[in-house]
């Protein structure tokens, strides 16, 4: 994964019903995944970001920039 890919935000929330951590990447529409542990969810989120970007590049679609924290 390149540094650019690591700049995307991941929202990670615990789902007590399914007992999983759900990952959403706000900048990339439809980019969601989950993991049984927090650590697995982070890895799955990173994989989902890489896959989303690769698919968008292959399809010639525009890629949204990562959000940047401004102070």
Protein backbone atom coordinates (compact mmCIF):
# COMPACT_ATOMS: atom_id res chain seq x y z
CA UNK A 1 0.00 0.00 0.00
CA UNK A 2 1.35 3.43 -0.89
CA UNK A 3 1.36 6.40 1.47
CA UNK A 4 -1.48 7.95 -0.55
CA UNK A 5 -3.71 4.96 0.20
CA UNK A 6 -2.90 5.21 3.91
CA UNK A 7 -4.27 8.76 4.02
CA UNK A 8 -7.92 7.74 3.64
CA UNK A 9 -10.16 7.88 6.70
CA UNK A 10 -11.65 4.76 8.24
CA UNK A 11 -14.64 4.89 10.57
CA UNK A 12 -14.68 1.77 12.72
CA UNK A 13 -17.72 0.95 14.83
CA UNK A 14 -18.52 -2.13 16.88
CA UNK A 15 -21.73 -4.02 16.07
CA UNK A 16 -22.79 -5.78 19.29
CA UNK A 17 -25.46 -7.85 17.53
CA UNK A 18 -23.11 -9.47 15.00
CA UNK A 19 -20.07 -9.03 17.28
CA UNK A 20 -17.93 -7.49 14.52
CA UNK A 21 -16.18 -4.21 13.82
CA UNK A 22 -17.68 -2.47 10.79
CA UNK A 23 -15.40 -0.29 8.66
CA UNK A 24 -16.60 2.53 6.42
CA UNK A 25 -14.31 4.71 4.27
CA UNK A 26 -16.20 8.02 3.93
CA UNK A 27 -14.23 9.35 0.95
CA UNK A 28 -14.80 6.23 -1.18
CA UNK A 29 -18.49 5.56 -1.94
CA UNK A 30 -19.51 1.99 -1.19
CA UNK A 31 -16.20 1.12 0.48
CA UNK A 32 -17.22 -0.97 3.51
CA UNK A 33 -15.86 -4.07 5.22
CA UNK A 34 -15.66 -5.67 8.64
CA UNK A 35 -13.53 -7.80 10.95
CA UNK A 36 -14.00 -9.97 14.01
CA UNK A 37 -11.38 -7.97 15.92
CA UNK A 38 -10.39 -4.31 15.76
CA UNK A 39 -7.01 -5.22 14.28
CA UNK A 40 -8.61 -7.43 11.63
CA UNK A 41 -11.04 -4.62 10.77
CA UNK A 42 -8.14 -2.21 10.22
CA UNK A 43 -6.38 -4.72 7.92
CA UNK A 44 -9.61 -5.39 6.05
CA UNK A 45 -10.18 -1.63 5.74
CA UNK A 46 -6.72 -1.14 4.25
CA UNK A 47 -7.36 -3.99 1.80
CA UNK A 48 -10.75 -2.51 0.88
CA UNK A 49 -9.17 0.88 0.18
CA UNK A 50 -6.49 -0.67 -2.03
CA UNK A 51 -9.08 -2.72 -3.93
CA UNK A 52 -11.43 0.23 -4.36
CA UNK A 53 -8.63 2.41 -5.73
CA UNK A 54 -7.34 -0.34 -8.06
CA UNK A 55 -10.84 -0.94 -9.45
CA UNK A 56 -11.44 2.78 -9.97
CA UNK A 57 -8.08 3.20 -11.73
CA UNK A 58 -8.75 0.18 -13.97
CA UNK A 59 -12.17 1.58 -14.90
CA UNK A 60 -10.77 5.06 -15.55
CA UNK A 61 -12.98 6.57 -12.86
CA UNK A 62 -12.16 9.67 -10.87
CA UNK A 63 -10.56 9.00 -7.50
CA UNK A 64 -11.63 11.23 -4.63
CA UNK A 65 -8.72 12.71 -2.66
CA UNK A 66 -8.27 11.74 0.99
CA UNK A 67 -9.62 14.16 3.59
CA UNK A 68 -6.95 16.30 5.16
CA UNK A 69 -7.13 17.54 8.73
CA UNK A 70 -6.83 21.29 8.81
CA UNK A 71 -5.97 23.24 11.91
